[in-house]
Amino acid sequence: QLYSNALKSLDALSVLPEVLAAGASFNGATEFLDNTSTLIGTVKYTSIDKKYPAYTGINRQKFLEILYRQAVKLGAKFYFDNNVTEITQTSYTVSVTCKNGLEFLDYDLLVAADGTNSKIRKQFWKDSESTYSGFGLWHSMHPLHPSVKEKVTVVMKDRRFGIIPVSYTHLTLPTNREV
């Protein structure tokens, strides 16, 4: 779900039209139901500017592909599957050395996406630990039923279940549950 502040940022990156075309925009409400499907509340979201929808649902993979294409178009370079052995940082730059001998010297920004047990995070914040929250999260994709007009969340004692449109044809059903 991309709310209007995110959409404004995507507009500045020149990807908003593609994001809006790939996703589905909504007025901005989430209905909360209890385990008997009784409405217990509605949260309404407002847009920061009339130019943007309150929120847009989009398939995560499609969203990442849009961002990747734009980053490459703007000159960003991506390097995958490199084992980082050393990172040095100055006030203005960062340099990286990889196990395979690749060196990236004097960059303005390093984005490391190495997962929950990040070795890179450990290098900078030695005492950081990932902690289990007690919940698992599952997503599944399904055709969008015509009756679904906004997000819906069902709240139960030990789980939450969502119906979240990610396009005008599909929805995702995230379930988070105590395990």
N, C-alpha and C. Protein backbone atom coordinates (compact mmCIF):
# COMPACT_ATOMS: atom_id res chain seq x y z
N GLN A 1 0.84 -1.17 0.00
CA GLN A 1 0.00 0.00 0.00
C GLN A 1 0.88 1.23 0.00
N LEU A 2 0.65 2.11 -0.92
CA LEU A 2 1.41 3.35 -1.03
C LEU A 2 0.46 4.51 -0.74
N TYR A 3 0.70 5.20 0.35
CA TYR A 3 -0.16 6.31 0.73
C TYR A 3 0.29 7.58 0.02
N SER A 4 -0.49 8.65 0.12
CA SER A 4 -0.28 9.83 -0.71
C SER A 4 1.10 10.46 -0.53
N ASN A 5 1.68 10.39 0.67
CA ASN A 5 3.03 10.94 0.84
C ASN A 5 4.05 10.14 0.02
N ALA A 6 3.87 8.83 -0.05
CA ALA A 6 4.75 8.00 -0.88
C ALA A 6 4.51 8.29 -2.36
N LEU A 7 3.25 8.48 -2.73
CA LEU A 7 2.93 8.78 -4.13
C LEU A 7 3.55 10.10 -4.56
N LYS A 8 3.57 11.08 -3.66
CA LYS A 8 4.22 12.36 -3.97
C LYS A 8 5.71 12.15 -4.23
N SER A 9 6.35 11.32 -3.43
CA SER A 9 7.78 11.03 -3.63
C SER A 9 8.00 10.29 -4.95
N LEU A 10 7.11 9.37 -5.28
CA LEU A 10 7.22 8.64 -6.54
C LEU A 10 7.00 9.57 -7.73
N ASP A 11 6.18 10.58 -7.56
CA ASP A 11 5.98 11.60 -8.59
C ASP A 11 7.30 12.34 -8.84
N ALA A 12 7.99 12.67 -7.75
CA ALA A 12 9.28 13.37 -7.88
C ALA A 12 10.32 12.49 -8.58
N LEU A 13 10.18 11.18 -8.48
CA LEU A 13 11.09 10.25 -9.14
C LEU A 13 10.64 9.91 -10.57
N SER A 14 9.56 10.53 -11.01
CA SER A 14 9.02 10.35 -12.37
C SER A 14 8.51 8.94 -12.65
N VAL A 15 8.02 8.26 -11.64
CA VAL A 15 7.46 6.92 -11.84
C VAL A 15 5.98 6.84 -11.46
N LEU A 16 5.40 7.94 -11.02
CA LEU A 16 4.02 7.89 -10.56
C LEU A 16 3.05 7.39 -11.62
N PRO A 17 3.08 7.86 -12.86
CA PRO A 17 2.12 7.36 -13.85
C PRO A 17 2.19 5.84 -14.02
N GLU A 18 3.41 5.30 -14.03
CA GLU A 18 3.57 3.85 -14.19
C GLU A 18 3.06 3.11 -12.96
N VAL A 19 3.31 3.64 -11.77
CA VAL A 19 2.82 3.03 -10.52
C VAL A 19 1.29 3.03 -10.51
N LEU A 20 0.69 4.16 -10.85
CA LEU A 20 -0.77 4.24 -10.85
C LEU A 20 -1.39 3.31 -11.88
N ALA A 21 -0.73 3.15 -13.03
CA ALA A 21 -1.23 2.24 -14.07
C ALA A 21 -1.13 0.78 -13.65
N ALA A 22 -0.10 0.44 -12.89
CA ALA A 22 0.11 -0.95 -12.48
C ALA A 22 -0.70 -1.31 -11.24
N GLY A 23 -1.08 -0.30 -10.45
CA GLY A 23 -1.78 -0.55 -9.20
C GLY A 23 -3.25 -0.18 -9.29
N ALA A 24 -3.86 -0.02 -8.13
CA ALA A 24 -5.27 0.36 -8.03
C ALA A 24 -5.40 1.39 -6.93
N SER A 25 -5.99 2.54 -7.26
CA SER A 25 -6.11 3.63 -6.29
C SER A 25 -7.49 3.63 -5.64
N PHE A 26 -7.51 4.02 -4.36
CA PHE A 26 -8.74 3.97 -3.58
C PHE A 26 -8.94 5.25 -2.79
N ASN A 27 -10.17 5.40 -2.29
CA ASN A 27 -10.55 6.61 -1.55
C ASN A 27 -9.81 6.75 -0.23
N GLY A 28 -9.53 5.66 0.41
CA GLY A 28 -8.75 5.74 1.63
C GLY A 28 -9.47 5.34 2.89
N ALA A 29 -9.94 4.11 2.95
CA ALA A 29 -10.57 3.63 4.17
C ALA A 29 -10.20 2.18 4.39
N THR A 30 -10.09 1.79 5.64
CA THR A 30 -9.94 0.40 6.01
C THR A 30 -11.04 0.08 7.00
N GLU A 31 -11.85 -0.93 6.68
CA GLU A 31 -12.87 -1.38 7.60
C GLU A 31 -12.27 -2.46 8.49
N PHE A 32 -12.52 -2.36 9.79
CA PHE A 32 -12.06 -3.36 10.74
C PHE A 32 -13.27 -4.15 11.23
N LEU A 33 -13.19 -5.47 11.08
CA LEU A 33 -14.27 -6.36 11.48
C LEU A 33 -13.79 -7.27 12.60
N ASP A 34 -14.71 -7.69 13.47
CA ASP A 34 -14.32 -8.68 14.47
C ASP A 34 -14.51 -10.08 13.89
N ASN A 35 -14.30 -11.12 14.71
CA ASN A 35 -14.34 -12.49 14.19
C ASN A 35 -15.75 -12.93 13.79
N THR A 36 -16.78 -12.09 14.05
CA THR A 36 -18.12 -12.40 13.58
C THR A 36 -18.50 -11.54 12.37
N SER A 37 -17.53 -10.85 11.81
CA SER A 37 -17.71 -9.95 10.67
C SER A 37 -18.52 -8.71 11.01
N THR A 38 -18.59 -8.37 12.29
CA THR A 38 -19.25 -7.14 12.71
C THR A 38 -18.27 -5.99 12.60
N LEU A 39 -18.71 -4.90 11.99
CA LEU A 39 -17.85 -3.73 11.84
C LEU A 39 -17.53 -3.15 13.22
N ILE A 40 -16.22 -3.04 13.52
CA ILE A 40 -15.82 -2.45 14.80
C ILE A 40 -15.18 -1.08 14.62
N GLY A 41 -14.94 -0.69 13.39
CA GLY A 41 -14.40 0.64 13.15
C GLY A 41 -13.91 0.81 11.73
N THR A 42 -13.78 2.05 11.34
CA THR A 42 -13.25 2.39 10.02
C THR A 42 -12.18 3.46 10.19
N VAL A 43 -11.05 3.24 9.58
CA VAL A 43 -10.00 4.25 9.56
C VAL A 43 -10.03 4.89 8.19
N LYS A 44 -10.15 6.19 8.16
CA LYS A 44 -10.16 6.91 6.88
C LYS A 44 -8.82 7.61 6.69
N TYR A 45 -8.26 7.47 5.51
CA TYR A 45 -7.00 8.10 5.16
C TYR A 45 -7.30 9.27 4.23
N THR A 46 -6.61 10.35 4.41
CA THR A 46 -6.79 11.48 3.51
C THR A 46 -5.50 11.70 2.72
N SER A 47 -5.65 12.31 1.58
CA SER A 47 -4.50 12.60 0.75
C SER A 47 -3.82 13.88 1.23
N ILE A 48 -2.52 13.96 1.04
CA ILE A 48 -1.80 15.19 1.41
C ILE A 48 -2.00 16.28 0.38
N ASP A 49 -2.54 15.88 -0.80
CA ASP A 49 -2.72 16.82 -1.90
C ASP A 49 -3.76 16.21 -2.84
N LYS A 50 -4.65 17.02 -3.36
CA LYS A 50 -5.70 16.51 -4.26
C LYS A 50 -5.13 15.84 -5.51
N LYS A 51 -3.88 16.10 -5.79
CA LYS A 51 -3.23 15.51 -6.97
C LYS A 51 -3.03 14.00 -6.83
N TYR A 52 -3.03 13.50 -5.58
CA TYR A 52 -2.71 12.09 -5.32
C TYR A 52 -3.89 11.38 -4.67
N PRO A 53 -4.08 10.10 -5.02
CA PRO A 53 -5.09 9.31 -4.31
C PRO A 53 -4.70 9.13 -2.84
N ALA A 54 -5.66 8.78 -2.02
CA ALA A 54 -5.35 8.53 -0.60
C ALA A 54 -4.35 7.38 -0.47
N TYR A 55 -4.57 6.32 -1.25
CA TYR A 55 -3.57 5.25 -1.32
C TYR A 55 -3.75 4.44 -2.58
N THR A 56 -2.70 3.78 -2.96
CA THR A 56 -2.69 2.91 -4.13
C THR A 56 -2.11 1.57 -3.72
N GLY A 57 -2.83 0.52 -4.04
CA GLY A 57 -2.32 -0.83 -3.83
C GLY A 57 -1.59 -1.27 -5.08
N ILE A 58 -0.48 -1.96 -4.90
CA ILE A 58 0.30 -2.43 -6.05
C ILE A 58 1.03 -3.71 -5.66
N ASN A 59 1.12 -4.63 -6.60
CA ASN A 59 1.89 -5.85 -6.40
C ASN A 59 3.35 -5.47 -6.15
N ARG A 60 3.92 -6.00 -5.08
CA ARG A 60 5.28 -5.64 -4.68
C ARG A 60 6.30 -5.88 -5.80
N GLN A 61 6.20 -7.01 -6.49
CA GLN A 61 7.16 -7.31 -7.55
C GLN A 61 7.07 -6.29 -8.68
N LYS A 62 5.86 -5.93 -9.07
CA LYS A 62 5.70 -4.92 -10.12
C LYS A 62 6.27 -3.57 -9.67
N PHE A 63 6.02 -3.23 -8.42
CA PHE A 63 6.54 -1.97 -7.87
C PHE A 63 8.06 -1.95 -7.91
N LEU A 64 8.69 -3.04 -7.47
CA LEU A 64 10.16 -3.10 -7.47
C LEU A 64 10.72 -3.04 -8.90
N GLU A 65 10.04 -3.66 -9.84
CA GLU A 65 10.49 -3.60 -11.23
C GLU A 65 10.44 -2.16 -11.77
N ILE A 66 9.38 -1.43 -11.43
CA ILE A 66 9.27 -0.03 -11.86
C ILE A 66 10.42 0.79 -11.28
N LEU A 67 10.67 0.63 -9.98
CA LEU A 67 11.75 1.38 -9.33
C LEU A 67 13.11 1.00 -9.91
N TYR A 68 13.33 -0.28 -10.15
CA TYR A 68 14.60 -0.75 -10.71
C TYR A 68 14.84 -0.13 -12.09
N ARG A 69 13.83 -0.19 -12.97
CA ARG A 69 14.00 0.37 -14.32
C ARG A 69 14.33 1.86 -14.26
N GLN A 70 13.66 2.59 -13.38
CA GLN A 70 13.92 4.02 -13.29
C GLN A 70 15.31 4.29 -12.72
N ALA A 71 15.72 3.53 -11.74
CA ALA A 71 17.06 3.71 -11.17
C ALA A 71 18.14 3.47 -12.21
N VAL A 72 17.98 2.41 -13.01
CA VAL A 72 18.95 2.12 -14.08
C VAL A 72 18.94 3.25 -15.11
N LYS A 73 17.75 3.72 -15.46
CA LYS A 73 17.62 4.82 -16.43
C LYS A 73 18.35 6.07 -15.92
N LEU A 74 18.33 6.28 -14.61
CA LEU A 74 19.00 7.45 -14.02
C LEU A 74 20.48 7.22 -13.74
N GLY A 75 20.98 6.02 -14.08
CA GLY A 75 22.41 5.77 -13.96
C GLY A 75 22.84 4.93 -12.77
N ALA A 76 21.90 4.45 -11.96
CA ALA A 76 22.28 3.60 -10.83
C ALA A 76 22.78 2.26 -11.35
N LYS A 77 23.73 1.70 -10.64
CA LYS A 77 24.26 0.38 -10.99
C LYS A 77 23.95 -0.57 -9.84
N PHE A 78 23.59 -1.78 -10.19
CA PHE A 78 23.24 -2.79 -9.20
C PHE A 78 24.22 -3.95 -9.31
N TYR A 79 24.67 -4.43 -8.17
CA TYR A 79 25.58 -5.57 -8.12
C TYR A 79 24.98 -6.56 -7.14
N PHE A 80 24.73 -7.78 -7.62
CA PHE A 80 24.07 -8.79 -6.81
C PHE A 80 25.05 -9.90 -6.45
N ASP A 81 24.76 -10.57 -5.36
CA ASP A 81 25.52 -11.75 -4.92
C ASP A 81 27.00 -11.46 -4.71
N ASN A 82 27.29 -10.38 -4.05
CA ASN A 82 28.67 -10.06 -3.70
C ASN A 82 28.83 -10.18 -2.18
N ASN A 83 29.79 -10.95 -1.76
CA ASN A 83 30.07 -11.08 -0.33
C ASN A 83 30.98 -9.94 0.09
N VAL A 84 30.44 -9.05 0.89
CA VAL A 84 31.20 -7.89 1.35
C VAL A 84 32.16 -8.32 2.45
N THR A 85 33.43 -7.93 2.30
CA THR A 85 34.42 -8.25 3.33
C THR A 85 34.83 -7.03 4.13
N GLU A 86 34.68 -5.84 3.53
CA GLU A 86 35.09 -4.63 4.24
C GLU A 86 34.29 -3.43 3.75
N ILE A 87 33.92 -2.59 4.71
CA ILE A 87 33.25 -1.32 4.41
C ILE A 87 33.99 -0.24 5.17
N THR A 88 34.39 0.80 4.45
CA THR A 88 35.01 1.95 5.12
C THR A 88 34.18 3.18 4.78
N GLN A 89 34.04 4.03 5.78
CA GLN A 89 33.18 5.19 5.62
C GLN A 89 33.90 6.44 6.10
N THR A 90 33.76 7.51 5.31
CA THR A 90 34.25 8.81 5.73
C THR A 90 33.02 9.69 5.98
N SER A 91 33.22 10.95 6.23
CA SER A 91 32.08 11.85 6.42
C SER A 91 31.22 11.97 5.18
N TYR A 92 31.81 11.72 3.99
CA TYR A 92 31.10 11.97 2.75
C TYR A 92 30.96 10.77 1.83
N THR A 93 31.75 9.73 2.03
CA THR A 93 31.73 8.61 1.10
C THR A 93 31.78 7.27 1.83
N VAL A 94 31.48 6.24 1.07
CA VAL A 94 31.60 4.87 1.56
C VAL A 94 32.30 4.05 0.48
N SER A 95 33.19 3.16 0.92
CA SER A 95 33.88 2.25 -0.01
C SER A 95 33.64 0.83 0.46
N VAL A 96 33.55 -0.08 -0.51
CA VAL A 96 33.24 -1.48 -0.21
C VAL A 96 34.22 -2.37 -0.94
N THR A 97 34.71 -3.39 -0.25
CA THR A 97 35.54 -4.42 -0.86
C THR A 97 34.78 -5.74 -0.73
N CYS A 98 34.79 -6.51 -1.83
CA CYS A 98 34.07 -7.78 -1.85
C CYS A 98 35.04 -8.94 -1.90
N LYS A 99 34.57 -10.09 -1.47
CA LYS A 99 35.37 -11.31 -1.42
C LYS A 99 35.93 -11.68 -2.80
N ASN A 100 35.16 -11.41 -3.87
CA ASN A 100 35.61 -11.76 -5.22
C ASN A 100 36.57 -10.74 -5.81
N GLY A 101 37.00 -9.74 -5.00
CA GLY A 101 37.97 -8.76 -5.46
C GLY A 101 37.37 -7.45 -5.96
N LEU A 102 36.07 -7.43 -6.19
CA LEU A 102 35.44 -6.18 -6.62
C LEU A 102 35.59 -5.12 -5.54
N GLU A 103 35.89 -3.91 -5.99
CA GLU A 103 35.96 -2.77 -5.07
C GLU A 103 35.08 -1.65 -5.60
N PHE A 104 34.36 -1.04 -4.69
CA PHE A 104 33.51 0.10 -5.01
C PHE A 104 34.00 1.23 -4.12
N LEU A 105 34.69 2.21 -4.72
CA LEU A 105 35.38 3.22 -3.95
C LEU A 105 34.67 4.58 -4.04
N ASP A 106 34.56 5.22 -2.90
CA ASP A 106 34.10 6.61 -2.81
C ASP A 106 32.69 6.83 -3.38
N TYR A 107 31.75 6.04 -2.91
CA TYR A 107 30.35 6.22 -3.31
C TYR A 107 29.64 7.10 -2.29
N ASP A 108 28.58 7.76 -2.75
CA ASP A 108 27.78 8.60 -1.86
C ASP A 108 26.84 7.76 -1.00
N LEU A 109 26.42 6.61 -1.51
CA LEU A 109 25.40 5.82 -0.84
C LEU A 109 25.64 4.34 -1.05
N LEU A 110 25.47 3.58 -0.01
CA LEU A 110 25.51 2.13 -0.08
C LEU A 110 24.16 1.62 0.42
N VAL A 111 23.51 0.80 -0.39
CA VAL A 111 22.28 0.14 0.04
C VAL A 111 22.61 -1.34 0.12
N ALA A 112 22.51 -1.89 1.29
CA ALA A 112 22.80 -3.31 1.48
C ALA A 112 21.50 -4.02 1.82
N ALA A 113 21.15 -5.00 1.03
CA ALA A 113 19.92 -5.77 1.26
C ALA A 113 20.34 -7.21 1.50
N ASP A 114 20.83 -7.46 2.70
CA ASP A 114 21.35 -8.79 2.98
C ASP A 114 20.55 -9.51 4.07
N GLY A 115 19.31 -9.14 4.25
CA GLY A 115 18.39 -9.93 5.05
C GLY A 115 18.35 -9.65 6.53
N THR A 116 17.54 -10.46 7.19
CA THR A 116 17.25 -10.30 8.62
C THR A 116 18.50 -10.36 9.47
N ASN A 117 19.38 -11.28 9.19
CA ASN A 117 20.60 -11.44 9.98
C ASN A 117 21.77 -10.78 9.27
N SER A 118 21.61 -9.52 8.94
CA SER A 118 22.55 -8.75 8.14
C SER A 118 23.94 -8.68 8.77
N LYS A 119 24.93 -9.13 8.01
CA LYS A 119 26.32 -9.00 8.45
C LYS A 119 26.76 -7.54 8.38
N ILE A 120 26.22 -6.81 7.42
CA ILE A 120 26.59 -5.40 7.28
C ILE A 120 26.05 -4.59 8.45
N ARG A 121 24.80 -4.84 8.86
CA ARG A 121 24.26 -4.15 10.03
C ARG A 121 25.12 -4.45 11.26
N LYS A 122 25.56 -5.70 11.39
CA LYS A 122 26.43 -6.09 12.52
C LYS A 122 27.74 -5.31 12.52
N GLN A 123 28.26 -5.00 11.33
CA GLN A 123 29.52 -4.27 11.28
C GLN A 123 29.36 -2.87 11.86
N PHE A 124 28.23 -2.23 11.60
CA PHE A 124 28.02 -0.86 12.08
C PHE A 124 27.37 -0.80 13.45
N TRP A 125 26.50 -1.74 13.75
CA TRP A 125 25.81 -1.78 15.04
C TRP A 125 26.01 -3.17 15.62
N LYS A 126 27.15 -3.36 16.26
CA LYS A 126 27.58 -4.68 16.72
C LYS A 126 26.59 -5.37 17.65
N ASP A 127 25.85 -4.60 18.44
CA ASP A 127 24.92 -5.20 19.40
C ASP A 127 23.52 -5.39 18.85
N SER A 128 23.31 -5.11 17.57
CA SER A 128 21.96 -5.26 17.02
C SER A 128 21.62 -6.73 16.87
N GLU A 129 20.40 -7.06 17.23
CA GLU A 129 19.92 -8.43 17.10
C GLU A 129 18.53 -8.41 16.48
N SER A 130 18.25 -9.36 15.63
CA SER A 130 16.89 -9.55 15.15
C SER A 130 16.14 -10.29 16.25
N THR A 131 14.93 -9.86 16.51
CA THR A 131 14.13 -10.54 17.54
C THR A 131 12.82 -11.00 16.93
N TYR A 132 12.43 -12.16 17.30
CA TYR A 132 11.20 -12.75 16.82
C TYR A 132 10.01 -12.04 17.47
N SER A 133 9.06 -11.60 16.68
CA SER A 133 7.93 -10.83 17.20
C SER A 133 6.81 -11.70 17.73
N GLY A 134 6.87 -13.00 17.45
CA GLY A 134 5.80 -13.88 17.90
C GLY A 134 4.72 -14.08 16.86
N PHE A 135 4.86 -13.43 15.70
CA PHE A 135 3.85 -13.55 14.66
C PHE A 135 4.49 -14.03 13.37
N GLY A 136 3.74 -14.78 12.61
CA GLY A 136 4.13 -15.15 11.27
C GLY A 136 3.25 -14.38 10.31
N LEU A 137 3.70 -14.20 9.07
CA LEU A 137 2.92 -13.46 8.09
C LEU A 137 2.93 -14.23 6.78
N TRP A 138 1.75 -14.43 6.23
CA TRP A 138 1.61 -15.13 4.97
C TRP A 138 0.84 -14.25 4.00
N HIS A 139 1.21 -14.27 2.73
CA HIS A 139 0.50 -13.54 1.68
C HIS A 139 0.09 -14.52 0.61
N SER A 140 -1.10 -14.33 0.06
CA SER A 140 -1.51 -15.10 -1.10
C SER A 140 -2.28 -14.17 -2.03
N MET A 141 -2.15 -14.40 -3.34
CA MET A 141 -2.80 -13.56 -4.35
C MET A 141 -4.05 -14.27 -4.86
N HIS A 142 -5.10 -13.45 -5.09
CA HIS A 142 -6.38 -13.99 -5.56
C HIS A 142 -7.04 -12.97 -6.50
N PRO A 143 -7.96 -13.44 -7.34
CA PRO A 143 -8.72 -12.49 -8.16
C PRO A 143 -9.51 -11.54 -7.25
N LEU A 144 -9.63 -10.31 -7.68
CA LEU A 144 -10.36 -9.30 -6.92
C LEU A 144 -11.86 -9.47 -7.17
N HIS A 145 -12.61 -9.66 -6.11
CA HIS A 145 -14.06 -9.76 -6.22
C HIS A 145 -14.62 -8.35 -6.41
N PRO A 146 -15.63 -8.18 -7.27
CA PRO A 146 -16.17 -6.84 -7.54
C PRO A 146 -16.70 -6.11 -6.31
N SER A 147 -17.04 -6.83 -5.25
CA SER A 147 -17.58 -6.19 -4.04
C SER A 147 -16.50 -5.50 -3.21
N VAL A 148 -15.23 -5.82 -3.47
CA VAL A 148 -14.15 -5.22 -2.67
C VAL A 148 -13.84 -3.83 -3.22
N LYS A 149 -14.07 -2.82 -2.38
CA LYS A 149 -13.88 -1.43 -2.80
C LYS A 149 -12.77 -0.73 -2.01
N GLU A 150 -12.37 -1.31 -0.89
CA GLU A 150 -11.33 -0.75 -0.02
C GLU A 150 -10.66 -1.92 0.71
N LYS A 151 -9.67 -1.59 1.53
CA LYS A 151 -9.02 -2.60 2.36
C LYS A 151 -9.97 -3.04 3.48
N VAL A 152 -9.87 -4.29 3.87
CA VAL A 152 -10.64 -4.82 4.99
C VAL A 152 -9.67 -5.58 5.89
N THR A 153 -9.79 -5.38 7.20
CA THR A 153 -8.98 -6.12 8.16
C THR A 153 -9.92 -6.78 9.17
N VAL A 154 -9.76 -8.09 9.36
CA VAL A 154 -10.53 -8.82 10.36
C VAL A 154 -9.59 -9.06 11.54
N VAL A 155 -10.03 -8.65 12.73
CA VAL A 155 -9.20 -8.73 13.93
C VAL A 155 -9.76 -9.81 14.85
N MET A 156 -8.91 -10.79 15.19
CA MET A 156 -9.28 -11.84 16.12
C MET A 156 -8.28 -11.85 17.27
N LYS A 157 -8.53 -12.65 18.26
CA LYS A 157 -7.67 -12.68 19.44
C LYS A 157 -6.20 -12.95 19.10
N ASP A 158 -5.96 -13.95 18.26
CA ASP A 158 -4.57 -14.35 17.99
C ASP A 158 -4.14 -14.16 16.54
N ARG A 159 -4.94 -13.43 15.74
CA ARG A 159 -4.56 -13.25 14.34
C ARG A 159 -5.29 -12.06 13.73
N ARG A 160 -4.74 -11.61 12.63
CA ARG A 160 -5.39 -10.60 11.80
C ARG A 160 -5.39 -11.11 10.38
N PHE A 161 -6.42 -10.78 9.68
CA PHE A 161 -6.58 -11.24 8.31
C PHE A 161 -6.95 -10.03 7.47
N GLY A 162 -6.29 -9.84 6.33
CA GLY A 162 -6.55 -8.67 5.50
C GLY A 162 -7.00 -9.02 4.11
N ILE A 163 -7.76 -8.11 3.52
CA ILE A 163 -8.12 -8.17 2.11
C ILE A 163 -7.62 -6.86 1.54
N ILE A 164 -6.57 -6.92 0.72
CA ILE A 164 -5.92 -5.71 0.24
C ILE A 164 -5.82 -5.73 -1.28
N PRO A 165 -6.58 -4.87 -1.97
CA PRO A 165 -6.46 -4.80 -3.42
C PRO A 165 -5.07 -4.30 -3.83
N VAL A 166 -4.46 -4.98 -4.80
CA VAL A 166 -3.15 -4.56 -5.30
C VAL A 166 -3.21 -4.21 -6.79
N SER A 167 -4.37 -4.36 -7.37
CA SER A 167 -4.65 -3.92 -8.73
C SER A 167 -6.17 -3.93 -8.87
N TYR A 168 -6.67 -3.59 -10.04
CA TYR A 168 -8.11 -3.65 -10.24
C TYR A 168 -8.58 -5.07 -10.55
N THR A 169 -7.64 -6.02 -10.63
CA THR A 169 -8.00 -7.41 -10.92
C THR A 169 -7.58 -8.40 -9.84
N HIS A 170 -6.68 -7.99 -8.93
CA HIS A 170 -6.17 -8.93 -7.93
C HIS A 170 -6.10 -8.30 -6.54
N LEU A 171 -6.13 -9.18 -5.55
CA LEU A 171 -5.95 -8.76 -4.17
C LEU A 171 -4.99 -9.71 -3.48
N THR A 172 -4.42 -9.24 -2.39
CA THR A 172 -3.58 -10.10 -1.57
C THR A 172 -4.30 -10.33 -0.25
N LEU A 173 -4.12 -11.50 0.29
CA LEU A 173 -4.73 -11.85 1.57
C LEU A 173 -3.62 -12.08 2.60
N PRO A 174 -3.13 -11.01 3.21
CA PRO A 174 -2.11 -11.21 4.25
C PRO A 174 -2.77 -11.70 5.53
N THR A 175 -2.15 -12.66 6.16
CA THR A 175 -2.60 -13.17 7.44
C THR A 175 -1.44 -13.14 8.38
N ASN A 176 -1.62 -12.51 9.54
CA ASN A 176 -0.55 -12.59 10.53
C ASN A 176 -1.14 -13.24 11.74
N ARG A 177 -0.37 -14.14 12.30
CA ARG A 177 -0.91 -15.03 13.31
C ARG A 177 0.15 -15.35 14.34
N GLU A 178 -0.28 -15.47 15.59
CA GLU A 178 0.63 -15.88 16.65
C GLU A 178 1.07 -17.31 16.38
N VAL A 179 2.38 -17.54 16.44
CA VAL A 179 2.89 -18.90 16.25
C VAL A 179 3.82 -19.27 17.38
